[in-house]
Amino acid sequence: MGTTTQSTITFEDFYRSRAPALHRYATVVAGHSLADDACQDAWLRMWRAWGSADDERLDAWARQVVRNCCIDRRQARGEQANPSVDTPAPGPEPDELVVRRAEAIALGEHVRRLPDHLRDVLWAREMLGLSYAEIAATLEIPIGTVMSRLHSARRKLARKLVG
């Protein structure tokens, strides 16, 4: 991925700043049961390749490595993805918490049922807040495909939520 250069950020600093978000991403792609092992594999791969990635694309590169490790773990286990969606933080009122939790569970079930290619794009945009360009770089697809998949994912989700 790019020419070999000396990175301006140390691996340790990169790990400290990115590990929580990448673990959440792994949980979405591989599910709770595989996320820890997939992340461990990914960080080892990144450590071994540190300095070979383009400094301008470290985040996209890291997400791609994590995603590939998740896919490897799922395939090794012969499983399909079964990601989870975090429930919202508790509200001040108990009844509000119950309603939010029920909504989050329902939404999570609908998101889980999306095809992998749509769910990956939707999660990256809505939960990770990545730009279209960042998603395209992470998934190695054109920006137009990102926009198309995001549109499809939102439409499918909206139909499920309204119906």
C-alpha atoms as a PDB file:
ATOM      1  CA  MET A   1       0.000   0.000   0.000  1.00  0.00           C
ATOM      2  CA  GLY A   2       2.130   2.873  -1.095  1.00  0.00           C
ATOM      3  CA  THR A   3       5.815   3.466  -0.889  1.00  0.00           C
ATOM      4  CA  THR A   4       7.857   2.667   2.159  1.00  0.00           C
ATOM      5  CA  THR A   5       8.264   5.801   4.243  1.00  0.00           C
ATOM      6  CA  GLN A   6       8.973   6.644   7.831  1.00  0.00           C
ATOM      7  CA  SER A   7       5.630   7.274   9.530  1.00  0.00           C
ATOM      8  CA  THR A   8       5.145  10.581  11.315  1.00  0.00           C
ATOM      9  CA  ILE A   9       2.991   8.866  13.955  1.00  0.00           C
ATOM     10  CA  THR A  10       4.306   6.026  16.050  1.00  0.00           C
ATOM     11  CA  PHE A  11       2.541   2.696  16.010  1.00  0.00           C
ATOM     12  CA  GLU A  12       1.886   2.991  19.757  1.00  0.00           C
ATOM     13  CA  ASP A  13       0.231   6.408  19.373  1.00  0.00           C
ATOM     14  CA  PHE A  14      -1.809   5.180  16.435  1.00  0.00           C
ATOM     15  CA  TYR A  15      -2.917   2.129  18.418  1.00  0.00           C
ATOM     16  CA  ARG A  16      -3.922   4.198  21.469  1.00  0.00           C
ATOM     17  CA  SER A  17      -5.945   6.636  19.406  1.00  0.00           C
ATOM     18  CA  ARG A  18      -7.622   4.185  17.018  1.00  0.00           C
ATOM     19  CA  ALA A  19      -8.069   0.890  18.903  1.00  0.00           C
ATOM     20  CA  PRO A  20     -11.523   1.589  20.432  1.00  0.00           C
ATOM     21  CA  ALA A  21     -13.098   2.710  17.147  1.00  0.00           C
ATOM     22  CA  LEU A  22     -11.535  -0.147  15.202  1.00  0.00           C
ATOM     23  CA  HIS A  23     -12.784  -2.640  17.775  1.00  0.00           C
ATOM     24  CA  ARG A  24     -16.326  -1.267  17.398  1.00  0.00           C
ATOM     25  CA  TYR A  25     -15.953  -1.636  13.635  1.00  0.00           C
ATOM     26  CA  ALA A  26     -14.758  -5.237  14.042  1.00  0.00           C
ATOM     27  CA  THR A  27     -17.772  -5.979  16.222  1.00  0.00           C
ATOM     28  CA  VAL A  28     -20.040  -4.813  13.417  1.00  0.00           C
ATOM     29  CA  VAL A  29     -18.246  -6.775  10.726  1.00  0.00           C
ATOM     30  CA  ALA A  30     -17.570  -9.998  12.634  1.00  0.00           C
ATOM     31  CA  GLY A  31     -19.853  -9.927  15.678  1.00  0.00           C
ATOM     32  CA  HIS A  32     -18.953  -9.899  19.354  1.00  0.00           C
ATOM     33  CA  SER A  33     -17.622 -13.445  19.401  1.00  0.00           C
ATOM     34  CA  LEU A  34     -14.912 -12.807  16.799  1.00  0.00           C
ATOM     35  CA  ALA A  35     -14.093  -9.109  17.236  1.00  0.00           C
ATOM     36  CA  ASP A  36     -11.362  -9.492  19.869  1.00  0.00           C
ATOM     37  CA  ASP A  37      -9.445 -12.143  17.927  1.00  0.00           C
ATOM     38  CA  ALA A  38      -9.888 -10.325  14.625  1.00  0.00           C
ATOM     39  CA  CYS A  39      -8.556  -7.105  16.165  1.00  0.00           C
ATOM     40  CA  GLN A  40      -5.613  -8.920  17.659  1.00  0.00           C
ATOM     41  CA  ASP A  41      -4.792 -10.361  14.223  1.00  0.00           C
ATOM     42  CA  ALA A  42      -5.247  -6.950  12.611  1.00  0.00           C
ATOM     43  CA  TRP A  43      -2.993  -5.093  15.041  1.00  0.00           C
ATOM     44  CA  LEU A  44      -0.296  -7.722  14.579  1.00  0.00           C
ATOM     45  CA  ARG A  45      -0.531  -7.351  10.786  1.00  0.00           C
ATOM     46  CA  MET A  46      -0.419  -3.570  11.080  1.00  0.00           C
ATOM     47  CA  TRP A  47       2.583  -3.689  13.423  1.00  0.00           C
ATOM     48  CA  ARG A  48       4.466  -5.934  11.007  1.00  0.00           C
ATOM     49  CA  ALA A  49       3.675  -3.654   8.063  1.00  0.00           C
ATOM     50  CA  TRP A  50       4.108  -0.352   9.936  1.00  0.00           C
ATOM     51  CA  GLY A  51       5.937   2.137   7.764  1.00  0.00           C
ATOM     52  CA  SER A  52       4.816   0.549   4.500  1.00  0.00           C
ATOM     53  CA  ALA A  53       1.392   2.236   4.543  1.00  0.00           C
ATOM     54  CA  ASP A  54       0.887   5.725   3.173  1.00  0.00           C
ATOM     55  CA  ASP A  55       0.684   8.213   6.071  1.00  0.00           C
ATOM     56  CA  GLU A  56      -2.159   9.989   4.268  1.00  0.00           C
ATOM     57  CA  ARG A  57      -4.227   6.800   4.310  1.00  0.00           C
ATOM     58  CA  LEU A  58      -3.422   5.214   7.673  1.00  0.00           C
ATOM     59  CA  ASP A  59      -7.019   5.244   8.902  1.00  0.00           C
ATOM     60  CA  ALA A  60      -8.401   3.701   5.727  1.00  0.00           C
ATOM     61  CA  TRP A  61      -5.577   1.167   5.703  1.00  0.00           C
ATOM     62  CA  ALA A  62      -6.235   0.204   9.327  1.00  0.00           C
ATOM     63  CA  ARG A  63      -9.976  -0.216   8.708  1.00  0.00           C
ATOM     64  CA  GLN A  64      -9.214  -2.346   5.684  1.00  0.00           C
ATOM     65  CA  VAL A  65      -6.837  -4.568   7.666  1.00  0.00           C
ATOM     66  CA  VAL A  66      -9.420  -4.975  10.445  1.00  0.00           C
ATOM     67  CA  ARG A  67     -12.165  -5.745   7.931  1.00  0.00           C
ATOM     68  CA  ASN A  68     -10.013  -8.357   6.184  1.00  0.00           C
ATOM     69  CA  CYS A  69      -9.138 -10.017   9.501  1.00  0.00           C
ATOM     70  CA  CYS A  70     -12.826 -10.103  10.434  1.00  0.00           C
ATOM     71  CA  ILE A  71     -13.716 -11.704   7.124  1.00  0.00           C
ATOM     72  CA  ASP A  72     -10.902 -14.234   7.564  1.00  0.00           C
ATOM     73  CA  ARG A  73     -12.171 -15.127  11.049  1.00  0.00           C
ATOM     74  CA  ARG A  74     -15.766 -15.496   9.830  1.00  0.00           C
ATOM     75  CA  GLN A  75     -14.727 -17.654   6.909  1.00  0.00           C
ATOM     76  CA  ALA A  76     -12.493 -19.844   9.082  1.00  0.00           C
ATOM     77  CA  ARG A  77     -15.467 -20.494  11.329  1.00  0.00           C
ATOM     78  CA  GLY A  78     -17.834 -20.976   8.410  1.00  0.00           C
ATOM     79  CA  GLU A  79     -20.111 -18.248   9.745  1.00  0.00           C
ATOM     80  CA  GLN A  80     -21.956 -15.358   8.233  1.00  0.00           C
ATOM     81  CA  ALA A  81     -21.674 -11.954   9.871  1.00  0.00           C
ATOM     82  CA  ASN A  82     -23.859 -11.399  12.894  1.00  0.00           C
ATOM     83  CA  PRO A  83     -23.003  -7.864  13.932  1.00  0.00           C
ATOM     84  CA  SER A  84     -24.497  -5.997  16.796  1.00  0.00           C
ATOM     85  CA  VAL A  85     -25.631  -2.445  17.098  1.00  0.00           C
ATOM     86  CA  ASP A  86     -24.979  -0.666  20.349  1.00  0.00           C
ATOM     87  CA  THR A  87     -28.040   0.449  22.213  1.00  0.00           C
ATOM     88  CA  PRO A  88     -28.329   4.119  23.075  1.00  0.00           C
ATOM     89  CA  ALA A  89     -27.206   5.465  26.426  1.00  0.00           C
ATOM     90  CA  PRO A  90     -29.896   5.332  29.118  1.00  0.00           C
ATOM     91  CA  GLY A  91     -32.148   8.353  29.334  1.00  0.00           C
ATOM     92  CA  PRO A  92     -33.104  10.035  32.569  1.00  0.00           C
ATOM     93  CA  GLU A  93     -36.511   8.309  32.715  1.00  0.00           C
ATOM     94  CA  PRO A  94     -36.839   4.516  33.022  1.00  0.00           C
ATOM     95  CA  ASP A  95     -39.751   4.340  30.568  1.00  0.00           C
ATOM     96  CA  GLU A  96     -37.728   6.308  28.014  1.00  0.00           C
ATOM     97  CA  LEU A  97     -34.884   3.840  28.451  1.00  0.00           C
ATOM     98  CA  VAL A  98     -37.211   0.906  27.772  1.00  0.00           C
ATOM     99  CA  VAL A  99     -38.552   2.537  24.603  1.00  0.00           C
ATOM    100  CA  ARG A 100     -35.065   3.440  23.370  1.00  0.00           C
ATOM    101  CA  ARG A 101     -33.801  -0.047  24.019  1.00  0.00           C
ATOM    102  CA  ALA A 102     -36.712  -1.635  22.163  1.00  0.00           C
ATOM    103  CA  GLU A 103     -36.164   0.712  19.222  1.00  0.00           C
ATOM    104  CA  ALA A 104     -32.436  -0.010  19.177  1.00  0.00           C
ATOM    105  CA  ILE A 105     -33.032  -3.755  19.257  1.00  0.00           C
ATOM    106  CA  ALA A 106     -35.536  -3.493  16.401  1.00  0.00           C
ATOM    107  CA  LEU A 107     -33.200  -1.267  14.393  1.00  0.00           C
ATOM    108  CA  GLY A 108     -30.281  -3.587  15.113  1.00  0.00           C
ATOM    109  CA  GLU A 109     -32.232  -6.572  13.806  1.00  0.00           C
ATOM    110  CA  HIS A 110     -33.029  -4.733  10.579  1.00  0.00           C
ATOM    111  CA  VAL A 111     -29.421  -3.606  10.160  1.00  0.00           C
ATOM    112  CA  ARG A 112     -28.171  -7.166  10.813  1.00  0.00           C
ATOM    113  CA  ARG A 113     -30.395  -8.458   8.006  1.00  0.00           C
ATOM    114  CA  LEU A 114     -28.915  -6.113   5.421  1.00  0.00           C
ATOM    115  CA  PRO A 115     -26.499  -7.772   2.993  1.00  0.00           C
ATOM    116  CA  ASP A 116     -22.862  -7.378   4.065  1.00  0.00           C
ATOM    117  CA  HIS A 117     -21.992  -4.948   1.278  1.00  0.00           C
ATOM    118  CA  LEU A 118     -24.844  -2.593   2.262  1.00  0.00           C
ATOM    119  CA  ARG A 119     -24.347  -2.935   6.014  1.00  0.00           C
ATOM    120  CA  ASP A 120     -20.618  -2.171   5.773  1.00  0.00           C
ATOM    121  CA  VAL A 121     -21.242   1.098   3.937  1.00  0.00           C
ATOM    122  CA  LEU A 122     -24.158   2.133   6.177  1.00  0.00           C
ATOM    123  CA  TRP A 123     -22.202   1.454   9.367  1.00  0.00           C
ATOM    124  CA  ALA A 124     -19.108   3.266   8.141  1.00  0.00           C
ATOM    125  CA  ARG A 125     -21.131   6.355   7.218  1.00  0.00           C
ATOM    126  CA  GLU A 126     -23.705   6.537  10.010  1.00  0.00           C
ATOM    127  CA  MET A 127     -21.842   5.102  13.002  1.00  0.00           C
ATOM    128  CA  LEU A 128     -18.206   5.858  12.208  1.00  0.00           C
ATOM    129  CA  GLY A 129     -18.960   9.140  10.433  1.00  0.00           C
ATOM    130  CA  LEU A 130     -16.600   8.382   7.567  1.00  0.00           C
ATOM    131  CA  SER A 131     -16.716  10.408   4.376  1.00  0.00           C
ATOM    132  CA  TYR A 132     -17.578   8.768   1.065  1.00  0.00           C
ATOM    133  CA  ALA A 133     -13.905   8.937   0.110  1.00  0.00           C
ATOM    134  CA  GLU A 134     -12.830   7.258   3.364  1.00  0.00           C
ATOM    135  CA  ILE A 135     -15.402   4.500   2.897  1.00  0.00           C
ATOM    136  CA  ALA A 136     -14.304   3.995  -0.701  1.00  0.00           C
ATOM    137  CA  ALA A 137     -10.676   3.727   0.378  1.00  0.00           C
ATOM    138  CA  THR A 138     -11.493   1.316   3.212  1.00  0.00           C
ATOM    139  CA  LEU A 139     -13.643  -1.001   1.116  1.00  0.00           C
ATOM    140  CA  GLU A 140     -11.622  -0.495  -2.082  1.00  0.00           C
ATOM    141  CA  ILE A 141     -14.663   0.470  -4.144  1.00  0.00           C
ATOM    142  CA  PRO A 142     -15.447   3.579  -6.211  1.00  0.00           C
ATOM    143  CA  ILE A 143     -17.138   6.538  -4.514  1.00  0.00           C
ATOM    144  CA  GLY A 144     -20.142   6.105  -6.808  1.00  0.00           C
ATOM    145  CA  THR A 145     -20.570   2.568  -5.500  1.00  0.00           C
ATOM    146  CA  VAL A 146     -20.415   3.887  -1.937  1.00  0.00           C
ATOM    147  CA  MET A 147     -23.187   6.365  -2.691  1.00  0.00           C
ATOM    148  CA  SER A 148     -25.293   3.747  -4.466  1.00  0.00           C
ATOM    149  CA  ARG A 149     -24.921   1.196  -1.663  1.00  0.00           C
ATOM    150  CA  LEU A 150     -25.638   3.795   0.996  1.00  0.00           C
ATOM    151  CA  HIS A 151     -28.784   4.852  -0.837  1.00  0.00           C
ATOM    152  CA  SER A 152     -29.901   1.211  -1.176  1.00  0.00           C
ATOM    153  CA  ALA A 153     -29.182   0.455   2.470  1.00  0.00           C
ATOM    154  CA  ARG A 154     -31.140   3.487   3.657  1.00  0.00           C
ATOM    155  CA  ARG A 155     -34.090   2.661   1.407  1.00  0.00           C
ATOM    156  CA  LYS A 156     -34.230  -0.964   2.566  1.00  0.00           C
ATOM    157  CA  LEU A 157     -33.958   0.111   6.207  1.00  0.00           C
ATOM    158  CA  ALA A 158     -36.636   2.775   5.786  1.00  0.00           C
ATOM    159  CA  ARG A 159     -39.052   0.262   4.219  1.00  0.00           C
ATOM    160  CA  LYS A 160     -38.521  -2.122   7.142  1.00  0.00           C
ATOM    161  CA  LEU A 161     -39.003   0.594   9.746  1.00  0.00           C
ATOM    162  CA  VAL A 162     -42.150   2.016   8.150  1.00  0.00           C
ATOM    163  CA  GLY A 163     -43.695  -1.365   7.318  1.00  0.00           C
END
